[in-house]
Amino acid sequence: RVAKFKRKSQSQKNKERKRKFTDHQQAQAKAQQRLEKSVGEVGAILRDLKEEERMREERRAYRQAMRQQRKELEAKGGVMDPTIRLGRGKAPTEDLAVPDEERAGSLRQVSMKASAVKDRL
């Protein structure tokens, strides 16, 4: 009958036990270093989060100021942002009347079909 595995001597068993023990200690030391490093990074992470929050807050305040400015312009001068939708679609934009001197001969003979001033409701 052939043996399926070779029996280990006591010295081999001791070596393996010692190797496992040292490996376990090294793994623990490495885990401790990772923990200390991650604890040290918490401050940097918090600082980055605060910076991002500050940037978001500035951006939000800027957008709010621009909205307010557009509303004031609309109330004072009747000027509306052309991108604002009225109803289902955007308001139709009229082309500016640019006279074609070559066709008419002089500017007095040119009929202006479109108005340079846009009125929006």
C-alpha atoms as a PDB file:
ATOM      1  CA  ARG A   1       0.000   0.000   0.000  1.00  0.00           C
ATOM      2  CA  VAL A   2       1.340   3.474  -1.016  1.00  0.00           C
ATOM      3  CA  ALA A   3       1.060   6.389   1.411  1.00  0.00           C
ATOM      4  CA  LYS A   4      -1.005   9.324   0.089  1.00  0.00           C
ATOM      5  CA  PHE A   5       0.961  11.895   2.036  1.00  0.00           C
ATOM      6  CA  LYS A   6       4.307  12.133   3.676  1.00  0.00           C
ATOM      7  CA  ARG A   7       4.356  12.418   7.451  1.00  0.00           C
ATOM      8  CA  LYS A   8       5.873  15.614   8.805  1.00  0.00           C
ATOM      9  CA  SER A   9       8.652  15.558  11.292  1.00  0.00           C
ATOM     10  CA  GLN A  10       8.453  17.604  14.490  1.00  0.00           C
ATOM     11  CA  SER A  11      10.957  20.151  13.158  1.00  0.00           C
ATOM     12  CA  GLN A  12       8.810  20.706  10.031  1.00  0.00           C
ATOM     13  CA  LYS A  13       5.730  21.190  12.185  1.00  0.00           C
ATOM     14  CA  ASN A  14       7.606  23.698  14.363  1.00  0.00           C
ATOM     15  CA  LYS A  15       8.863  25.608  11.317  1.00  0.00           C
ATOM     16  CA  GLU A  16       5.349  25.831   9.897  1.00  0.00           C
ATOM     17  CA  ARG A  17       3.913  26.983  13.227  1.00  0.00           C
ATOM     18  CA  LYS A  18       6.656  29.625  13.523  1.00  0.00           C
ATOM     19  CA  ARG A  19       6.068  30.790   9.909  1.00  0.00           C
ATOM     20  CA  LYS A  20       2.303  31.086  10.475  1.00  0.00           C
ATOM     21  CA  PHE A  21       2.901  33.068  13.650  1.00  0.00           C
ATOM     22  CA  THR A  22       5.284  35.534  11.967  1.00  0.00           C
ATOM     23  CA  ASP A  23       2.939  35.878   8.954  1.00  0.00           C
ATOM     24  CA  HIS A  24       0.068  36.628  11.308  1.00  0.00           C
ATOM     25  CA  GLN A  25       2.122  39.278  13.134  1.00  0.00           C
ATOM     26  CA  GLN A  26       3.158  40.914   9.857  1.00  0.00           C
ATOM     27  CA  ALA A  27      -0.454  40.952   8.635  1.00  0.00           C
ATOM     28  CA  GLN A  28      -1.551  42.584  11.890  1.00  0.00           C
ATOM     29  CA  ALA A  29       1.199  45.221  11.626  1.00  0.00           C
ATOM     30  CA  LYS A  30       0.204  45.957   8.027  1.00  0.00           C
ATOM     31  CA  ALA A  31      -3.472  46.255   8.976  1.00  0.00           C
ATOM     32  CA  GLN A  32      -2.546  48.623  11.820  1.00  0.00           C
ATOM     33  CA  GLN A  33      -0.514  50.795   9.421  1.00  0.00           C
ATOM     34  CA  ARG A  34      -3.439  50.938   6.988  1.00  0.00           C
ATOM     35  CA  LEU A  35      -5.773  51.924   9.825  1.00  0.00           C
ATOM     36  CA  GLU A  36      -3.418  54.678  11.020  1.00  0.00           C
ATOM     37  CA  LYS A  37      -3.008  55.956   7.477  1.00  0.00           C
ATOM     38  CA  SER A  38      -6.760  56.035   6.867  1.00  0.00           C
ATOM     39  CA  VAL A  39      -7.297  57.879  10.164  1.00  0.00           C
ATOM     40  CA  GLY A  40      -4.688  60.431   9.065  1.00  0.00           C
ATOM     41  CA  GLU A  41      -6.501  60.897   5.738  1.00  0.00           C
ATOM     42  CA  VAL A  42      -9.790  61.755   7.435  1.00  0.00           C
ATOM     43  CA  GLY A  43      -8.714  65.373   7.901  1.00  0.00           C
ATOM     44  CA  ALA A  44      -7.791  65.722   4.239  1.00  0.00           C
ATOM     45  CA  ILE A  45     -11.063  64.130   3.154  1.00  0.00           C
ATOM     46  CA  LEU A  46     -13.072  66.438   5.412  1.00  0.00           C
ATOM     47  CA  ARG A  47     -11.145  69.447   4.097  1.00  0.00           C
ATOM     48  CA  ASP A  48     -11.933  68.416   0.509  1.00  0.00           C
ATOM     49  CA  LEU A  49     -15.609  67.947   1.363  1.00  0.00           C
ATOM     50  CA  LYS A  50     -15.778  71.402   2.945  1.00  0.00           C
ATOM     51  CA  GLU A  51     -14.106  72.938  -0.119  1.00  0.00           C
ATOM     52  CA  GLU A  52     -16.589  71.232  -2.460  1.00  0.00           C
ATOM     53  CA  GLU A  53     -19.503  72.373  -0.306  1.00  0.00           C
ATOM     54  CA  ARG A  54     -18.176  75.952  -0.320  1.00  0.00           C
ATOM     55  CA  MET A  55     -17.864  75.885  -4.119  1.00  0.00           C
ATOM     56  CA  ARG A  56     -21.404  74.520  -4.455  1.00  0.00           C
ATOM     57  CA  GLU A  57     -22.703  77.235  -2.141  1.00  0.00           C
ATOM     58  CA  GLU A  58     -20.934  79.975  -4.128  1.00  0.00           C
ATOM     59  CA  ARG A  59     -22.315  78.581  -7.376  1.00  0.00           C
ATOM     60  CA  ARG A  60     -25.826  78.404  -5.908  1.00  0.00           C
ATOM     61  CA  ALA A  61     -25.590  82.014  -4.704  1.00  0.00           C
ATOM     62  CA  TYR A  62     -24.307  83.143  -8.122  1.00  0.00           C
ATOM     63  CA  ARG A  63     -27.173  81.411  -9.923  1.00  0.00           C
ATOM     64  CA  GLN A  64     -29.675  82.947  -7.525  1.00  0.00           C
ATOM     65  CA  ALA A  65     -28.195  86.430  -8.098  1.00  0.00           C
ATOM     66  CA  MET A  66     -28.389  85.975 -11.869  1.00  0.00           C
ATOM     67  CA  ARG A  67     -32.037  84.873 -11.637  1.00  0.00           C
ATOM     68  CA  GLN A  68     -32.818  87.923  -9.519  1.00  0.00           C
ATOM     69  CA  GLN A  69     -31.021  90.186 -11.995  1.00  0.00           C
ATOM     70  CA  ARG A  70     -32.990  88.738 -14.922  1.00  0.00           C
ATOM     71  CA  LYS A  71     -36.269  89.264 -13.049  1.00  0.00           C
ATOM     72  CA  GLU A  72     -35.346  92.873 -12.292  1.00  0.00           C
ATOM     73  CA  LEU A  73     -34.442  93.500 -15.955  1.00  0.00           C
ATOM     74  CA  GLU A  74     -37.754  92.009 -17.004  1.00  0.00           C
ATOM     75  CA  ALA A  75     -39.680  94.162 -14.506  1.00  0.00           C
ATOM     76  CA  LYS A  76     -37.831  97.425 -15.313  1.00  0.00           C
ATOM     77  CA  GLY A  77     -37.155  97.299 -19.031  1.00  0.00           C
ATOM     78  CA  GLY A  78     -39.427  94.536 -20.232  1.00  0.00           C
ATOM     79  CA  VAL A  79     -36.408  92.609 -21.506  1.00  0.00           C
ATOM     80  CA  MET A  80     -36.809  88.860 -21.286  1.00  0.00           C
ATOM     81  CA  ASP A  81     -34.233  86.176 -21.705  1.00  0.00           C
ATOM     82  CA  PRO A  82     -34.716  84.672 -25.187  1.00  0.00           C
ATOM     83  CA  THR A  83     -34.239  81.148 -23.855  1.00  0.00           C
ATOM     84  CA  ILE A  84     -37.249  81.328 -21.524  1.00  0.00           C
ATOM     85  CA  ARG A  85     -40.144  79.303 -22.818  1.00  0.00           C
ATOM     86  CA  LEU A  86     -43.542  80.882 -23.157  1.00  0.00           C
ATOM     87  CA  GLY A  87     -46.165  78.170 -23.372  1.00  0.00           C
ATOM     88  CA  ARG A  88     -45.098  74.948 -25.030  1.00  0.00           C
ATOM     89  CA  GLY A  89     -42.279  76.201 -27.206  1.00  0.00           C
ATOM     90  CA  LYS A  90     -39.784  78.991 -27.386  1.00  0.00           C
ATOM     91  CA  ALA A  91     -41.001  82.332 -28.584  1.00  0.00           C
ATOM     92  CA  PRO A  92     -40.319  82.889 -32.280  1.00  0.00           C
ATOM     93  CA  THR A  93     -37.385  85.147 -32.916  1.00  0.00           C
ATOM     94  CA  GLU A  94     -37.482  87.725 -35.660  1.00  0.00           C
ATOM     95  CA  ASP A  95     -34.486  88.364 -37.837  1.00  0.00           C
ATOM     96  CA  LEU A  96     -33.017  91.826 -37.675  1.00  0.00           C
ATOM     97  CA  ALA A  97     -33.727  93.913 -40.721  1.00  0.00           C
ATOM     98  CA  VAL A  98     -30.472  94.357 -42.572  1.00  0.00           C
ATOM     99  CA  PRO A  99     -31.022  96.421 -45.705  1.00  0.00           C
ATOM    100  CA  ASP A 100     -29.443  95.250 -48.923  1.00  0.00           C
ATOM    101  CA  GLU A 101     -28.042  98.384 -50.562  1.00  0.00           C
ATOM    102  CA  GLU A 102     -27.072  96.675 -53.776  1.00  0.00           C
ATOM    103  CA  ARG A 103     -30.630  95.595 -54.593  1.00  0.00           C
ATOM    104  CA  ALA A 104     -32.345  98.851 -53.635  1.00  0.00           C
ATOM    105  CA  GLY A 105     -29.765 101.332 -54.800  1.00  0.00           C
ATOM    106  CA  SER A 106     -30.029 103.586 -51.763  1.00  0.00           C
ATOM    107  CA  LEU A 107     -31.061 103.151 -48.162  1.00  0.00           C
ATOM    108  CA  ARG A 108     -34.136 105.401 -48.526  1.00  0.00           C
ATOM    109  CA  GLN A 109     -35.704 103.061 -51.047  1.00  0.00           C
ATOM    110  CA  VAL A 110     -35.331  99.986 -48.830  1.00  0.00           C
ATOM    111  CA  SER A 111     -38.506  98.819 -47.125  1.00  0.00           C
ATOM    112  CA  MET A 112     -37.947  97.480 -43.627  1.00  0.00           C
ATOM    113  CA  LYS A 113     -39.924  94.259 -43.204  1.00  0.00           C
ATOM    114  CA  ALA A 114     -38.767  93.312 -39.722  1.00  0.00           C
ATOM    115  CA  SER A 115     -38.388  95.445 -36.648  1.00  0.00           C
ATOM    116  CA  ALA A 116     -35.074  95.713 -34.869  1.00  0.00           C
ATOM    117  CA  VAL A 117     -36.914  95.792 -31.546  1.00  0.00           C
ATOM    118  CA  LYS A 118     -38.272  92.501 -30.331  1.00  0.00           C
ATOM    119  CA  ASP A 119     -41.410  92.517 -28.269  1.00  0.00           C
ATOM    120  CA  ARG A 120     -42.156  89.562 -26.084  1.00  0.00           C
ATOM    121  CA  LEU A 121     -45.228  89.008 -24.019  1.00  0.00           C
END
